[in-house]
Amino acid sequence: MLERDDLEHPIPSQLHGLFVQIVDAFLRQDFELRAHPIIDVEPIDVSTAKSIADNIASYGDSLARLNPATWERSIYRWMDGYWQFIVDLSTSGEPVSDLALHARLDCVPGSNLEVQSVYVP
């Protein structure tokens, strides 16, 4: 399903639901993904969760459910041992904002998606 080359690819539709669930948990202020665990997604450590919450709060527009237009700009890329995902988030004022969620999936059987950060690249 995921390519292993040097190109950027659109995020496969089979993975959209994971990112929708992550954003939905953030909307409920669960930045550690502990109150709303997601199958195939690692819980987020406390310091990363705080950084994510702070970056979302300081963006200047409130986070919103992912707009379908986000998939037109969101990408993944093979990084020699893992896949890096960059999902452009939606806000109340922007269907696709500059605020992006960064996640990683290791190329090891049984690996879960790991949310690494949310920030403006």
C-alpha atoms as a PDB file:
ATOM      1  CA  MET A   1       0.000   0.000   0.000  1.00  0.00           C
ATOM      2  CA  LEU A   2       2.808   2.476   0.854  1.00  0.00           C
ATOM      3  CA  GLU A   3       5.532   3.251  -1.666  1.00  0.00           C
ATOM      4  CA  ARG A   4       9.250   3.035  -0.844  1.00  0.00           C
ATOM      5  CA  ASP A   5      10.820   5.571  -3.177  1.00  0.00           C
ATOM      6  CA  ASP A   6      12.070   9.156  -3.098  1.00  0.00           C
ATOM      7  CA  LEU A   7       8.761  10.723  -4.138  1.00  0.00           C
ATOM      8  CA  GLU A   8       5.964  12.366  -2.165  1.00  0.00           C
ATOM      9  CA  HIS A   9       2.660  10.512  -2.430  1.00  0.00           C
ATOM     10  CA  PRO A  10      -0.924  11.310  -1.436  1.00  0.00           C
ATOM     11  CA  ILE A  11      -1.944   9.591   1.768  1.00  0.00           C
ATOM     12  CA  PRO A  12      -3.891   6.422   0.871  1.00  0.00           C
ATOM     13  CA  SER A  13      -7.598   6.638   1.602  1.00  0.00           C
ATOM     14  CA  GLN A  14      -7.281   3.538   3.819  1.00  0.00           C
ATOM     15  CA  LEU A  15      -5.312   5.672   6.293  1.00  0.00           C
ATOM     16  CA  HIS A  16      -7.567   8.742   6.288  1.00  0.00           C
ATOM     17  CA  GLY A  17      -9.686   7.323   9.120  1.00  0.00           C
ATOM     18  CA  LEU A  18      -6.705   7.112  11.481  1.00  0.00           C
ATOM     19  CA  PHE A  19      -5.919  10.786  11.000  1.00  0.00           C
ATOM     20  CA  VAL A  20      -9.589  11.753  11.350  1.00  0.00           C
ATOM     21  CA  GLN A  21      -9.681   9.900  14.684  1.00  0.00           C
ATOM     22  CA  ILE A  22      -6.496  11.616  15.870  1.00  0.00           C
ATOM     23  CA  VAL A  23      -7.873  15.077  15.080  1.00  0.00           C
ATOM     24  CA  ASP A  24     -11.211  14.189  16.669  1.00  0.00           C
ATOM     25  CA  ALA A  25      -9.355  13.225  19.873  1.00  0.00           C
ATOM     26  CA  PHE A  26      -7.463  16.545  19.776  1.00  0.00           C
ATOM     27  CA  LEU A  27     -10.795  18.355  19.429  1.00  0.00           C
ATOM     28  CA  ARG A  28     -11.828  16.658  22.700  1.00  0.00           C
ATOM     29  CA  GLN A  29      -8.583  17.947  24.282  1.00  0.00           C
ATOM     30  CA  ASP A  30      -7.107  14.417  24.397  1.00  0.00           C
ATOM     31  CA  PHE A  31      -3.645  15.270  23.110  1.00  0.00           C
ATOM     32  CA  GLU A  32      -2.107  12.103  24.593  1.00  0.00           C
ATOM     33  CA  LEU A  33      -4.652   9.834  22.852  1.00  0.00           C
ATOM     34  CA  ARG A  34      -5.241   8.065  26.163  1.00  0.00           C
ATOM     35  CA  ALA A  35      -8.910   8.881  26.828  1.00  0.00           C
ATOM     36  CA  HIS A  36      -9.683   8.022  23.205  1.00  0.00           C
ATOM     37  CA  PRO A  37      -7.202   5.287  22.241  1.00  0.00           C
ATOM     38  CA  ILE A  38      -6.975   4.543  18.537  1.00  0.00           C
ATOM     39  CA  ILE A  39      -6.153   1.096  17.191  1.00  0.00           C
ATOM     40  CA  ASP A  40      -2.865   1.181  15.235  1.00  0.00           C
ATOM     41  CA  VAL A  41      -1.837   4.555  16.764  1.00  0.00           C
ATOM     42  CA  GLU A  42       0.590   4.938  19.672  1.00  0.00           C
ATOM     43  CA  PRO A  43      -0.415   7.081  22.665  1.00  0.00           C
ATOM     44  CA  ILE A  44       1.470  10.386  22.703  1.00  0.00           C
ATOM     45  CA  ASP A  45       3.948  11.125  25.481  1.00  0.00           C
ATOM     46  CA  VAL A  46       3.162  13.988  27.848  1.00  0.00           C
ATOM     47  CA  SER A  47       5.785  16.464  26.597  1.00  0.00           C
ATOM     48  CA  THR A  48       4.885  15.934  22.919  1.00  0.00           C
ATOM     49  CA  ALA A  49       1.179  16.225  23.750  1.00  0.00           C
ATOM     50  CA  LYS A  50       1.806  19.527  25.563  1.00  0.00           C
ATOM     51  CA  SER A  51       3.781  20.858  22.593  1.00  0.00           C
ATOM     52  CA  ILE A  52       0.983  19.836  20.216  1.00  0.00           C
ATOM     53  CA  ALA A  53      -1.658  21.515  22.394  1.00  0.00           C
ATOM     54  CA  ASP A  54       0.454  24.683  22.705  1.00  0.00           C
ATOM     55  CA  ASN A  55       1.107  24.883  18.954  1.00  0.00           C
ATOM     56  CA  ILE A  56      -2.570  24.414  18.130  1.00  0.00           C
ATOM     57  CA  ALA A  57      -3.579  27.051  20.706  1.00  0.00           C
ATOM     58  CA  SER A  58      -1.036  29.568  19.428  1.00  0.00           C
ATOM     59  CA  TYR A  59      -1.985  29.120  15.762  1.00  0.00           C
ATOM     60  CA  GLY A  60      -4.633  31.822  16.048  1.00  0.00           C
ATOM     61  CA  ASP A  61      -7.579  29.812  14.707  1.00  0.00           C
ATOM     62  CA  SER A  62      -9.312  26.901  16.391  1.00  0.00           C
ATOM     63  CA  LEU A  63      -8.799  23.359  15.161  1.00  0.00           C
ATOM     64  CA  ALA A  64     -11.717  21.799  13.250  1.00  0.00           C
ATOM     65  CA  ARG A  65     -12.622  18.358  11.919  1.00  0.00           C
ATOM     66  CA  LEU A  66     -10.598  17.457   8.862  1.00  0.00           C
ATOM     67  CA  ASN A  67     -12.096  18.874   5.701  1.00  0.00           C
ATOM     68  CA  PRO A  68     -12.031  16.494   2.702  1.00  0.00           C
ATOM     69  CA  ALA A  69      -9.845  19.083   0.912  1.00  0.00           C
ATOM     70  CA  THR A  70      -6.997  18.265   3.296  1.00  0.00           C
ATOM     71  CA  TRP A  71      -6.278  15.075   1.346  1.00  0.00           C
ATOM     72  CA  GLU A  72      -5.443  17.122  -1.744  1.00  0.00           C
ATOM     73  CA  ARG A  73      -2.320  18.515  -0.021  1.00  0.00           C
ATOM     74  CA  SER A  74      -1.392  15.915   2.609  1.00  0.00           C
ATOM     75  CA  ILE A  75       1.453  13.585   1.723  1.00  0.00           C
ATOM     76  CA  TYR A  76       3.674  10.759   2.866  1.00  0.00           C
ATOM     77  CA  ARG A  77       7.236   9.863   1.930  1.00  0.00           C
ATOM     78  CA  TRP A  78       9.613   6.959   2.486  1.00  0.00           C
ATOM     79  CA  MET A  79      12.514   7.978   4.738  1.00  0.00           C
ATOM     80  CA  ASP A  80      14.826   4.915   4.638  1.00  0.00           C
ATOM     81  CA  GLY A  81      13.316   2.740   7.337  1.00  0.00           C
ATOM     82  CA  TYR A  82      10.037   4.534   7.984  1.00  0.00           C
ATOM     83  CA  TRP A  83       7.293   6.519   6.299  1.00  0.00           C
ATOM     84  CA  GLN A  84       6.800  10.194   7.230  1.00  0.00           C
ATOM     85  CA  PHE A  85       3.258  11.598   7.001  1.00  0.00           C
ATOM     86  CA  ILE A  86       2.356  15.279   6.831  1.00  0.00           C
ATOM     87  CA  VAL A  87      -1.354  16.018   7.162  1.00  0.00           C
ATOM     88  CA  ASP A  88      -2.522  19.598   6.673  1.00  0.00           C
ATOM     89  CA  LEU A  89      -5.089  20.333   9.362  1.00  0.00           C
ATOM     90  CA  SER A  90      -8.378  22.195   9.094  1.00  0.00           C
ATOM     91  CA  THR A  91      -9.367  25.120  11.287  1.00  0.00           C
ATOM     92  CA  SER A  92     -12.602  26.983  11.816  1.00  0.00           C
ATOM     93  CA  GLY A  93     -11.486  29.564   9.246  1.00  0.00           C
ATOM     94  CA  GLU A  94      -9.477  27.442   6.813  1.00  0.00           C
ATOM     95  CA  PRO A  95     -10.522  24.148   5.196  1.00  0.00           C
ATOM     96  CA  VAL A  96      -6.791  23.439   4.752  1.00  0.00           C
ATOM     97  CA  SER A  97      -4.515  25.442   7.019  1.00  0.00           C
ATOM     98  CA  ASP A  98      -0.743  25.819   7.322  1.00  0.00           C
ATOM     99  CA  LEU A  99      -0.899  23.869  10.580  1.00  0.00           C
ATOM    100  CA  ALA A 100       0.305  20.317   9.913  1.00  0.00           C
ATOM    101  CA  LEU A 101       0.346  17.048  11.816  1.00  0.00           C
ATOM    102  CA  HIS A 102       3.562  15.050  11.419  1.00  0.00           C
ATOM    103  CA  ALA A 103       3.520  11.310  12.033  1.00  0.00           C
ATOM    104  CA  ARG A 104       5.764   8.341  11.417  1.00  0.00           C
ATOM    105  CA  LEU A 105       5.225   4.655  10.704  1.00  0.00           C
ATOM    106  CA  ASP A 106       8.232   2.378  11.088  1.00  0.00           C
ATOM    107  CA  CYS A 107       8.814  -0.386   8.564  1.00  0.00           C
ATOM    108  CA  VAL A 108       8.660  -3.113  11.199  1.00  0.00           C
ATOM    109  CA  PRO A 109       5.854  -5.668  11.441  1.00  0.00           C
ATOM    110  CA  GLY A 110       3.370  -4.651  14.120  1.00  0.00           C
ATOM    111  CA  SER A 111       4.431  -0.999  14.179  1.00  0.00           C
ATOM    112  CA  ASN A 112       1.827   1.596  15.034  1.00  0.00           C
ATOM    113  CA  LEU A 113       1.549   5.128  13.707  1.00  0.00           C
ATOM    114  CA  GLU A 114       3.391   7.594  15.960  1.00  0.00           C
ATOM    115  CA  VAL A 115       2.266  11.230  16.073  1.00  0.00           C
ATOM    116  CA  GLN A 116       5.429  13.307  16.366  1.00  0.00           C
ATOM    117  CA  SER A 117       4.225  16.899  16.268  1.00  0.00           C
ATOM    118  CA  VAL A 118       1.776  19.522  15.084  1.00  0.00           C
ATOM    119  CA  TYR A 119       3.228  22.812  13.858  1.00  0.00           C
ATOM    120  CA  VAL A 120       3.516  25.191  10.927  1.00  0.00           C
ATOM    121  CA  PRO A 121       6.383  23.899   8.770  1.00  0.00           C
END
